[in-house]
């Protein structure tokens, strides 16, 4: 793997309830203030900020970044759900999540947006119907875009992810990218 494709991230965060609660009700303009300065990503825009939130919280810096490193240095964070999913070293159906894998990532997408290639690990496609959150002790911390209530980081239960896109929703777990 060359240096362009190698995942980069900040030192791992201690992910506990207090750490995640500090993000409660934050909007994209709170956790990614410099992107607002650059005229990108704001409350009420049409972008999905779930991967953006997860990446700012956990320090993920691989794939497409929210800010050009050329413009702001190495401060950009990952923005795409499918790219985060791909970098999870252990991933699979939510019902198969090892109970000891807590915290971890929780993903939701449509059944027709996943495939299992020859190498055996599930891969996620680029459909706009995909979502990610941080799972901790029975709660999924994730970003709501304001379509069903106030925009910002909220704490949902498993039910939210399992039913996000109706009966065709499938959920997956992913261990944090290393």
N, C-alpha and C. Protein backbone atom coordinates (compact mmCIF):
# COMPACT_ATOMS: atom_id res chain seq x y z
N UNK A 1 0.85 -1.17 0.00
CA UNK A 1 0.00 0.00 0.00
C UNK A 1 0.90 1.24 0.00
N UNK A 2 0.66 2.15 -0.89
CA UNK A 2 1.51 3.34 -0.94
C UNK A 2 1.04 4.37 0.09
N UNK A 3 1.85 5.38 0.30
CA UNK A 3 1.55 6.36 1.34
C UNK A 3 0.29 7.16 1.05
N UNK A 4 -0.11 7.29 -0.20
CA UNK A 4 -1.31 8.04 -0.53
C UNK A 4 -2.55 7.31 0.00
N UNK A 5 -2.54 5.98 -0.05
CA UNK A 5 -3.70 5.20 0.35
C UNK A 5 -3.66 4.72 1.80
N UNK A 6 -2.56 4.91 2.48
CA UNK A 6 -2.43 4.43 3.85
C UNK A 6 -3.34 5.26 4.77
N UNK A 7 -4.13 4.60 5.62
CA UNK A 7 -4.99 5.37 6.52
C UNK A 7 -4.15 6.18 7.49
N UNK A 8 -4.63 7.36 7.80
CA UNK A 8 -3.98 8.21 8.78
C UNK A 8 -5.03 8.62 9.79
N UNK A 9 -4.64 8.69 11.01
CA UNK A 9 -5.56 9.18 12.02
C UNK A 9 -4.78 9.68 13.21
N UNK A 10 -5.48 10.44 14.03
CA UNK A 10 -4.88 10.93 15.26
C UNK A 10 -4.75 9.76 16.22
N UNK A 11 -4.01 9.94 17.31
CA UNK A 11 -3.95 8.86 18.31
C UNK A 11 -5.37 8.46 18.73
N UNK A 12 -5.59 7.19 18.99
CA UNK A 12 -6.94 6.74 19.37
C UNK A 12 -7.49 7.52 20.55
N UNK A 13 -8.77 7.80 20.48
CA UNK A 13 -9.46 8.50 21.56
C UNK A 13 -9.95 7.49 22.59
N UNK A 14 -10.07 7.92 23.82
CA UNK A 14 -10.73 7.10 24.83
C UNK A 14 -12.22 7.33 24.63
N UNK A 15 -12.91 6.34 24.13
CA UNK A 15 -14.32 6.50 23.80
C UNK A 15 -15.16 5.99 24.97
N UNK A 16 -15.71 6.94 25.71
CA UNK A 16 -16.60 6.59 26.81
C UNK A 16 -17.79 7.54 26.76
N UNK A 17 -18.73 7.35 27.67
CA UNK A 17 -19.96 8.14 27.64
C UNK A 17 -19.70 9.64 27.79
N UNK A 18 -18.78 10.01 28.65
CA UNK A 18 -18.48 11.44 28.84
C UNK A 18 -17.89 12.05 27.57
N UNK A 19 -16.99 11.31 26.91
CA UNK A 19 -16.39 11.79 25.67
C UNK A 19 -17.47 12.04 24.62
N UNK A 20 -18.36 11.08 24.42
CA UNK A 20 -19.41 11.22 23.41
C UNK A 20 -20.45 12.27 23.79
N UNK A 21 -20.78 12.35 25.07
CA UNK A 21 -21.77 13.33 25.52
C UNK A 21 -21.32 14.76 25.25
N UNK A 22 -20.02 14.99 25.18
CA UNK A 22 -19.50 16.33 24.88
C UNK A 22 -19.90 16.78 23.48
N UNK A 23 -20.25 15.84 22.60
CA UNK A 23 -20.67 16.18 21.23
C UNK A 23 -22.18 16.38 21.11
N UNK A 24 -22.94 16.04 22.15
CA UNK A 24 -24.40 16.11 22.07
C UNK A 24 -24.85 17.49 21.57
N UNK A 25 -25.73 17.48 20.59
CA UNK A 25 -26.34 18.67 19.99
C UNK A 25 -25.38 19.51 19.15
N UNK A 26 -24.11 19.12 19.05
CA UNK A 26 -23.20 19.86 18.17
C UNK A 26 -23.63 19.69 16.72
N UNK A 27 -23.45 20.73 15.95
CA UNK A 27 -23.70 20.66 14.52
C UNK A 27 -22.36 20.61 13.80
N UNK A 28 -22.43 20.41 12.50
CA UNK A 28 -21.22 20.37 11.69
C UNK A 28 -20.42 21.66 11.85
N UNK A 29 -21.10 22.76 12.07
CA UNK A 29 -20.41 24.04 12.25
C UNK A 29 -19.67 24.11 13.58
N UNK A 30 -20.05 23.28 14.54
CA UNK A 30 -19.36 23.22 15.83
C UNK A 30 -18.12 22.35 15.76
N UNK A 31 -18.26 21.11 15.23
CA UNK A 31 -17.12 20.20 15.25
C UNK A 31 -16.19 20.37 14.06
N UNK A 32 -16.60 21.13 13.05
CA UNK A 32 -15.73 21.39 11.89
C UNK A 32 -15.81 22.86 11.52
N UNK A 33 -15.45 23.69 12.46
CA UNK A 33 -15.57 25.14 12.28
C UNK A 33 -14.78 25.67 11.09
N UNK A 34 -13.62 25.08 10.81
CA UNK A 34 -12.81 25.60 9.70
C UNK A 34 -13.46 25.35 8.35
N UNK A 35 -14.28 24.32 8.24
CA UNK A 35 -14.95 24.10 6.96
C UNK A 35 -15.97 25.21 6.72
N UNK A 36 -16.57 25.72 7.77
CA UNK A 36 -17.50 26.85 7.61
C UNK A 36 -16.73 28.08 7.12
N UNK A 37 -15.54 28.28 7.67
CA UNK A 37 -14.71 29.40 7.22
C UNK A 37 -14.40 29.29 5.74
N UNK A 38 -14.25 28.05 5.26
CA UNK A 38 -13.93 27.82 3.85
C UNK A 38 -15.19 27.83 2.97
N UNK A 39 -16.35 28.03 3.59
CA UNK A 39 -17.59 28.08 2.83
C UNK A 39 -18.15 26.71 2.47
N UNK A 40 -17.80 25.70 3.27
CA UNK A 40 -18.29 24.34 3.03
C UNK A 40 -18.99 23.82 4.27
N UNK A 41 -19.95 22.95 4.09
CA UNK A 41 -20.62 22.23 5.16
C UNK A 41 -21.25 23.15 6.19
N UNK A 42 -22.55 23.24 6.16
CA UNK A 42 -23.24 24.08 7.13
C UNK A 42 -24.57 23.46 7.51
N UNK A 43 -25.12 23.94 8.59
CA UNK A 43 -26.42 23.48 9.04
C UNK A 43 -27.43 23.76 7.93
N UNK A 44 -28.25 22.76 7.65
CA UNK A 44 -29.29 22.93 6.64
C UNK A 44 -28.86 22.61 5.22
N UNK A 45 -27.59 22.29 5.00
CA UNK A 45 -27.18 21.96 3.64
C UNK A 45 -27.67 20.55 3.30
N UNK A 46 -27.44 20.11 2.09
CA UNK A 46 -27.94 18.80 1.66
C UNK A 46 -26.95 17.67 1.92
N UNK A 47 -25.80 17.98 2.51
CA UNK A 47 -24.80 16.95 2.79
C UNK A 47 -25.19 16.12 4.02
N UNK A 48 -24.81 14.85 3.99
CA UNK A 48 -24.99 13.97 5.13
C UNK A 48 -23.71 14.05 5.96
N UNK A 49 -23.81 14.45 7.21
CA UNK A 49 -22.63 14.70 8.03
C UNK A 49 -22.32 13.60 9.05
N UNK A 50 -22.94 12.42 8.90
CA UNK A 50 -22.72 11.36 9.89
C UNK A 50 -21.27 10.89 9.89
N UNK A 51 -20.70 10.59 8.73
CA UNK A 51 -19.31 10.14 8.66
C UNK A 51 -18.37 11.27 9.08
N UNK A 52 -18.73 12.47 8.73
CA UNK A 52 -17.96 13.65 9.08
C UNK A 52 -17.86 13.76 10.61
N UNK A 53 -19.01 13.61 11.30
CA UNK A 53 -19.00 13.65 12.77
C UNK A 53 -18.13 12.53 13.35
N UNK A 54 -18.38 11.29 12.92
CA UNK A 54 -17.63 10.15 13.45
C UNK A 54 -16.13 10.36 13.27
N UNK A 55 -15.74 10.88 12.12
CA UNK A 55 -14.32 11.07 11.83
C UNK A 55 -13.70 12.19 12.65
N UNK A 56 -14.45 13.26 12.90
CA UNK A 56 -13.91 14.30 13.78
C UNK A 56 -13.80 13.78 15.20
N UNK A 57 -14.79 13.02 15.65
CA UNK A 57 -14.75 12.50 17.02
C UNK A 57 -13.60 11.51 17.22
N UNK A 58 -13.38 10.65 16.22
CA UNK A 58 -12.39 9.58 16.38
C UNK A 58 -11.07 9.84 15.66
N UNK A 59 -10.98 10.93 14.92
CA UNK A 59 -9.72 11.32 14.29
C UNK A 59 -9.39 10.61 12.99
N UNK A 60 -10.38 10.07 12.27
CA UNK A 60 -10.11 9.36 11.03
C UNK A 60 -9.71 10.33 9.92
N UNK A 61 -8.60 10.02 9.25
CA UNK A 61 -8.10 10.86 8.15
C UNK A 61 -7.66 9.97 7.00
N UNK A 62 -8.62 9.47 6.23
CA UNK A 62 -8.30 8.67 5.05
C UNK A 62 -9.42 8.87 4.04
N UNK A 63 -9.11 8.59 2.78
CA UNK A 63 -10.11 8.81 1.73
C UNK A 63 -10.37 10.29 1.52
N UNK A 64 -11.59 10.61 1.13
CA UNK A 64 -11.97 12.01 0.92
C UNK A 64 -12.05 12.72 2.26
N UNK A 65 -11.39 13.86 2.34
CA UNK A 65 -11.35 14.63 3.59
C UNK A 65 -12.21 15.88 3.48
N UNK A 66 -12.70 16.35 4.63
CA UNK A 66 -13.58 17.51 4.64
C UNK A 66 -12.85 18.79 4.24
N UNK A 67 -11.58 18.85 4.48
CA UNK A 67 -10.80 20.04 4.14
C UNK A 67 -9.56 19.64 3.38
N UNK A 68 -9.24 20.36 2.40
CA UNK A 68 -8.03 20.08 1.65
C UNK A 68 -6.82 20.29 2.54
N UNK A 69 -5.95 19.28 2.59
CA UNK A 69 -4.73 19.42 3.39
C UNK A 69 -3.90 20.59 2.88
N UNK A 70 -3.99 20.86 1.60
CA UNK A 70 -3.26 21.97 1.01
C UNK A 70 -3.74 23.30 1.61
N UNK A 71 -5.03 23.37 1.93
CA UNK A 71 -5.62 24.60 2.42
C UNK A 71 -5.49 24.76 3.94
N UNK A 72 -5.70 23.67 4.68
CA UNK A 72 -5.71 23.76 6.14
C UNK A 72 -4.69 22.87 6.83
N UNK A 73 -3.74 22.30 6.14
CA UNK A 73 -2.83 21.37 6.77
C UNK A 73 -3.48 20.01 6.91
N UNK A 74 -3.07 19.24 7.88
CA UNK A 74 -3.56 17.87 8.03
C UNK A 74 -4.79 17.80 8.94
N UNK A 75 -5.63 18.81 8.93
CA UNK A 75 -6.77 18.85 9.84
C UNK A 75 -8.02 18.20 9.28
N UNK A 76 -8.06 17.89 7.99
CA UNK A 76 -9.25 17.30 7.39
C UNK A 76 -9.58 15.94 7.98
N UNK A 77 -10.85 15.59 7.95
CA UNK A 77 -11.31 14.30 8.45
C UNK A 77 -12.13 13.60 7.37
N UNK A 78 -12.20 12.29 7.47
CA UNK A 78 -12.92 11.46 6.50
C UNK A 78 -14.39 11.86 6.44
N UNK A 79 -14.97 11.72 5.26
CA UNK A 79 -16.35 12.17 5.06
C UNK A 79 -17.28 11.13 4.49
N UNK A 80 -16.79 9.98 4.08
CA UNK A 80 -17.64 9.02 3.38
C UNK A 80 -17.85 7.75 4.20
N UNK A 81 -19.10 7.38 4.36
CA UNK A 81 -19.46 6.19 5.14
C UNK A 81 -18.81 4.95 4.56
N UNK A 82 -18.90 4.77 3.25
CA UNK A 82 -18.35 3.56 2.62
C UNK A 82 -16.84 3.47 2.78
N UNK A 83 -16.13 4.60 2.80
CA UNK A 83 -14.68 4.56 2.99
C UNK A 83 -14.34 4.18 4.43
N UNK A 84 -15.08 4.69 5.39
CA UNK A 84 -14.85 4.29 6.79
C UNK A 84 -15.10 2.79 6.92
N UNK A 85 -16.20 2.32 6.35
CA UNK A 85 -16.54 0.90 6.43
C UNK A 85 -15.42 0.04 5.86
N UNK A 86 -14.86 0.43 4.72
CA UNK A 86 -13.79 -0.32 4.07
C UNK A 86 -12.55 -0.43 4.96
N UNK A 87 -12.26 0.61 5.75
CA UNK A 87 -11.06 0.60 6.59
C UNK A 87 -11.25 -0.12 7.92
N UNK A 88 -12.46 -0.56 8.22
CA UNK A 88 -12.68 -1.32 9.46
C UNK A 88 -12.05 -2.70 9.31
N UNK A 89 -11.08 -3.06 10.13
CA UNK A 89 -10.41 -4.35 9.97
C UNK A 89 -11.32 -5.55 10.26
N UNK A 90 -12.30 -5.36 11.10
CA UNK A 90 -13.27 -6.41 11.39
C UNK A 90 -14.65 -5.81 11.17
N UNK A 91 -15.43 -6.42 10.28
CA UNK A 91 -16.76 -5.90 10.00
C UNK A 91 -17.67 -7.05 9.57
N UNK A 92 -18.95 -6.87 9.80
CA UNK A 92 -19.89 -7.90 9.43
C UNK A 92 -21.30 -7.51 9.81
N UNK A 93 -22.25 -8.42 9.62
CA UNK A 93 -23.65 -8.13 9.96
C UNK A 93 -23.81 -7.77 11.44
N UNK A 94 -24.66 -6.80 11.72
CA UNK A 94 -24.85 -6.32 13.09
C UNK A 94 -25.23 -7.46 14.03
N UNK A 95 -26.06 -8.38 13.57
CA UNK A 95 -26.48 -9.50 14.42
C UNK A 95 -25.31 -10.41 14.79
N UNK A 96 -24.20 -10.33 14.05
CA UNK A 96 -23.02 -11.16 14.33
C UNK A 96 -21.94 -10.41 15.11
N UNK A 97 -22.22 -9.19 15.53
CA UNK A 97 -21.22 -8.39 16.25
C UNK A 97 -20.81 -9.12 17.53
N UNK A 98 -19.50 -9.29 17.72
CA UNK A 98 -19.05 -9.86 19.00
C UNK A 98 -19.47 -8.94 20.14
N UNK A 99 -20.11 -9.46 21.13
CA UNK A 99 -20.62 -8.63 22.24
C UNK A 99 -19.50 -7.90 22.98
N UNK A 100 -18.27 -8.41 22.87
CA UNK A 100 -17.13 -7.74 23.50
C UNK A 100 -16.63 -6.55 22.68
N UNK A 101 -17.14 -6.40 21.45
CA UNK A 101 -16.73 -5.28 20.60
C UNK A 101 -17.60 -4.07 20.94
N UNK A 102 -17.19 -3.35 21.96
CA UNK A 102 -17.93 -2.21 22.47
C UNK A 102 -16.94 -1.29 23.17
N UNK A 103 -16.65 -0.13 22.60
CA UNK A 103 -17.34 0.54 21.50
C UNK A 103 -16.93 0.00 20.13
N UNK A 104 -17.75 0.37 19.14
CA UNK A 104 -17.45 0.05 17.75
C UNK A 104 -18.28 1.00 16.88
N UNK A 105 -18.23 0.78 15.60
CA UNK A 105 -19.04 1.57 14.68
C UNK A 105 -20.28 0.76 14.29
N UNK A 106 -21.38 1.45 14.07
CA UNK A 106 -22.61 0.84 13.58
C UNK A 106 -22.97 1.53 12.26
N UNK A 107 -23.30 0.71 11.27
CA UNK A 107 -23.62 1.20 9.92
C UNK A 107 -25.01 0.74 9.52
N UNK A 108 -25.70 1.55 8.75
CA UNK A 108 -26.97 1.17 8.13
C UNK A 108 -26.92 1.55 6.67
N UNK A 109 -27.48 0.70 5.82
CA UNK A 109 -27.59 1.00 4.40
C UNK A 109 -28.72 0.14 3.84
N UNK A 110 -28.90 0.18 2.54
CA UNK A 110 -29.90 -0.66 1.87
C UNK A 110 -29.29 -1.99 1.47
N UNK A 111 -30.09 -3.03 1.46
CA UNK A 111 -29.61 -4.37 1.10
C UNK A 111 -28.88 -4.37 -0.24
N UNK A 112 -29.39 -3.61 -1.21
CA UNK A 112 -28.76 -3.63 -2.53
C UNK A 112 -27.51 -2.76 -2.62
N UNK A 113 -27.05 -2.21 -1.49
CA UNK A 113 -25.84 -1.39 -1.47
C UNK A 113 -24.66 -2.12 -0.83
N UNK A 114 -24.76 -3.42 -0.65
CA UNK A 114 -23.66 -4.20 -0.09
C UNK A 114 -23.37 -5.39 -0.99
N UNK A 115 -22.12 -5.80 -0.98
CA UNK A 115 -21.70 -6.96 -1.76
C UNK A 115 -20.60 -7.68 -0.99
N UNK A 116 -20.41 -8.96 -1.28
CA UNK A 116 -19.33 -9.73 -0.68
C UNK A 116 -18.46 -10.24 -1.82
N UNK A 117 -17.36 -9.56 -2.11
CA UNK A 117 -16.47 -10.00 -3.19
C UNK A 117 -15.70 -11.26 -2.79
N UNK A 118 -14.88 -11.75 -3.67
CA UNK A 118 -14.14 -13.00 -3.45
C UNK A 118 -13.31 -13.00 -2.17
N UNK A 119 -12.81 -11.85 -1.76
CA UNK A 119 -11.96 -11.83 -0.55
C UNK A 119 -12.75 -12.06 0.74
N UNK A 120 -14.08 -12.06 0.66
CA UNK A 120 -14.89 -12.46 1.78
C UNK A 120 -15.42 -11.37 2.69
N UNK A 121 -14.81 -10.21 2.77
CA UNK A 121 -15.30 -9.14 3.62
C UNK A 121 -16.39 -8.35 2.89
N UNK A 122 -17.44 -8.05 3.58
CA UNK A 122 -18.54 -7.27 3.01
C UNK A 122 -18.02 -5.89 2.62
N UNK A 123 -18.48 -5.40 1.48
CA UNK A 123 -18.14 -4.04 1.04
C UNK A 123 -19.42 -3.26 0.84
N UNK A 124 -19.33 -1.97 1.07
CA UNK A 124 -20.48 -1.09 0.93
C UNK A 124 -20.34 -0.25 -0.32
N UNK A 125 -21.43 -0.11 -1.06
CA UNK A 125 -21.43 0.70 -2.26
C UNK A 125 -21.59 2.18 -1.94
N UNK A 126 -21.78 2.98 -2.98
CA UNK A 126 -21.81 4.43 -2.82
C UNK A 126 -23.21 5.03 -2.84
N UNK A 127 -24.23 4.23 -2.64
CA UNK A 127 -25.59 4.76 -2.55
C UNK A 127 -25.63 5.89 -1.53
N UNK A 128 -26.49 6.85 -1.74
CA UNK A 128 -26.59 7.94 -0.75
C UNK A 128 -27.29 7.46 0.51
N UNK A 129 -27.89 6.27 0.48
CA UNK A 129 -28.58 5.71 1.63
C UNK A 129 -27.63 4.87 2.47
N UNK A 130 -26.84 5.55 3.28
CA UNK A 130 -25.91 4.89 4.18
C UNK A 130 -25.66 5.82 5.36
N UNK A 131 -25.42 5.22 6.52
CA UNK A 131 -25.31 6.01 7.74
C UNK A 131 -24.34 5.31 8.69
N UNK A 132 -23.66 6.09 9.52
CA UNK A 132 -22.71 5.52 10.48
C UNK A 132 -22.84 6.26 11.81
N UNK A 133 -22.59 5.54 12.87
CA UNK A 133 -22.57 6.12 14.21
C UNK A 133 -21.56 5.37 15.07
N UNK A 134 -21.37 5.87 16.27
CA UNK A 134 -20.46 5.24 17.23
C UNK A 134 -21.32 4.51 18.26
N UNK A 135 -21.14 3.20 18.35
CA UNK A 135 -21.91 2.37 19.28
C UNK A 135 -21.17 2.27 20.60
N UNK A 136 -21.88 2.56 21.68
CA UNK A 136 -21.31 2.43 23.02
C UNK A 136 -22.41 2.05 24.00
N UNK A 137 -22.27 0.88 24.58
CA UNK A 137 -23.15 0.42 25.67
C UNK A 137 -24.63 0.63 25.38
N UNK A 138 -25.07 0.16 24.22
CA UNK A 138 -26.50 0.20 23.89
C UNK A 138 -26.99 1.49 23.27
N UNK A 139 -26.09 2.40 22.94
CA UNK A 139 -26.48 3.66 22.32
C UNK A 139 -25.63 3.92 21.07
N UNK A 140 -26.27 4.52 20.09
CA UNK A 140 -25.59 4.86 18.84
C UNK A 140 -25.52 6.38 18.73
N UNK A 141 -24.32 6.91 18.87
CA UNK A 141 -24.11 8.36 18.74
C UNK A 141 -23.91 8.65 17.26
N UNK A 142 -24.76 9.54 16.72
CA UNK A 142 -24.71 9.81 15.29
C UNK A 142 -25.25 11.20 15.00
N UNK A 143 -25.12 11.58 13.74
CA UNK A 143 -25.50 12.93 13.31
C UNK A 143 -26.82 12.87 12.57
N UNK A 144 -27.79 13.64 13.03
CA UNK A 144 -29.06 13.80 12.33
C UNK A 144 -29.01 15.08 11.51
N UNK A 145 -29.43 14.99 10.26
CA UNK A 145 -29.36 16.15 9.37
C UNK A 145 -30.56 17.07 9.44
N UNK A 146 -31.42 16.90 10.42
CA UNK A 146 -32.53 17.82 10.60
C UNK A 146 -33.77 17.48 9.82
N UNK A 147 -33.79 16.35 9.15
CA UNK A 147 -34.98 15.98 8.38
C UNK A 147 -36.12 15.54 9.29
N UNK A 148 -35.80 15.00 10.46
CA UNK A 148 -36.83 14.49 11.37
C UNK A 148 -36.78 15.17 12.74
N UNK A 149 -36.07 16.25 12.85
CA UNK A 149 -35.93 16.96 14.11
C UNK A 149 -34.75 17.89 14.03
N UNK A 150 -34.33 18.46 15.15
CA UNK A 150 -33.19 19.39 15.14
C UNK A 150 -31.93 18.72 14.60
N UNK A 151 -31.14 19.48 13.87
CA UNK A 151 -29.89 18.96 13.32
C UNK A 151 -28.82 18.93 14.39
N UNK A 152 -28.02 17.86 14.39
CA UNK A 152 -26.90 17.76 15.30
C UNK A 152 -26.66 16.34 15.76
N UNK A 153 -25.72 16.20 16.68
CA UNK A 153 -25.32 14.90 17.21
C UNK A 153 -26.33 14.48 18.28
N UNK A 154 -26.82 13.25 18.14
CA UNK A 154 -27.80 12.71 19.07
C UNK A 154 -27.40 11.30 19.49
N UNK A 155 -28.06 10.82 20.51
CA UNK A 155 -27.86 9.46 21.00
C UNK A 155 -29.14 8.69 20.69
N UNK A 156 -29.02 7.69 19.82
CA UNK A 156 -30.16 6.85 19.43
C UNK A 156 -29.94 5.44 19.93
N UNK A 157 -31.01 4.69 19.96
CA UNK A 157 -30.91 3.27 20.24
C UNK A 157 -30.69 2.48 18.97
N UNK A 158 -30.51 1.21 19.13
CA UNK A 158 -30.30 0.29 18.01
C UNK A 158 -31.46 0.35 17.02
N UNK A 159 -32.66 0.54 17.52
CA UNK A 159 -33.87 0.57 16.69
C UNK A 159 -33.76 1.60 15.56
N UNK A 160 -33.18 2.76 15.85
CA UNK A 160 -33.04 3.81 14.83
C UNK A 160 -32.28 3.28 13.62
N UNK A 161 -31.15 2.63 13.84
CA UNK A 161 -30.34 2.11 12.74
C UNK A 161 -31.03 0.95 12.03
N UNK A 162 -31.62 0.04 12.79
CA UNK A 162 -32.23 -1.15 12.20
C UNK A 162 -33.40 -0.83 11.28
N UNK A 163 -34.01 0.34 11.46
CA UNK A 163 -35.19 0.71 10.68
C UNK A 163 -35.01 1.98 9.86
N UNK A 164 -33.80 2.45 9.74
CA UNK A 164 -33.54 3.76 9.13
C UNK A 164 -34.10 3.89 7.71
N UNK A 165 -33.95 2.87 6.89
CA UNK A 165 -34.40 2.95 5.50
C UNK A 165 -35.57 2.00 5.23
N UNK A 166 -36.33 1.69 6.26
CA UNK A 166 -37.49 0.82 6.10
C UNK A 166 -37.09 -0.64 6.07
N UNK A 167 -37.95 -1.48 5.47
CA UNK A 167 -37.72 -2.93 5.52
C UNK A 167 -36.48 -3.41 4.75
N UNK A 168 -35.91 -2.59 3.91
CA UNK A 168 -34.71 -2.98 3.16
C UNK A 168 -33.42 -2.54 3.85
N UNK A 169 -33.51 -2.09 5.10
CA UNK A 169 -32.33 -1.67 5.86
C UNK A 169 -31.53 -2.89 6.31
N UNK A 170 -30.22 -2.81 6.15
CA UNK A 170 -29.31 -3.79 6.73
C UNK A 170 -28.30 -3.03 7.57
N UNK A 171 -27.90 -3.65 8.68
CA UNK A 171 -26.95 -3.01 9.60
C UNK A 171 -25.71 -3.86 9.75
N UNK A 172 -24.60 -3.17 9.98
CA UNK A 172 -23.30 -3.82 10.12
C UNK A 172 -22.56 -3.19 11.28
N UNK A 173 -21.59 -3.95 11.80
CA UNK A 173 -20.67 -3.41 12.80
C UNK A 173 -19.32 -3.26 12.12
N UNK A 174 -18.48 -2.43 12.69
CA UNK A 174 -17.10 -2.31 12.24
C UNK A 174 -16.22 -1.94 13.41
N UNK A 175 -15.08 -2.64 13.54
CA UNK A 175 -14.11 -2.24 14.56
C UNK A 175 -13.43 -0.96 14.09
N UNK A 176 -12.94 -0.18 15.03
CA UNK A 176 -12.31 1.10 14.66
C UNK A 176 -11.10 0.85 13.76
N UNK A 177 -10.99 1.63 12.67
CA UNK A 177 -9.78 1.52 11.85
C UNK A 177 -8.54 1.81 12.69
N UNK A 178 -7.49 1.04 12.45
CA UNK A 178 -6.26 1.18 13.23
C UNK A 178 -5.31 2.16 12.57
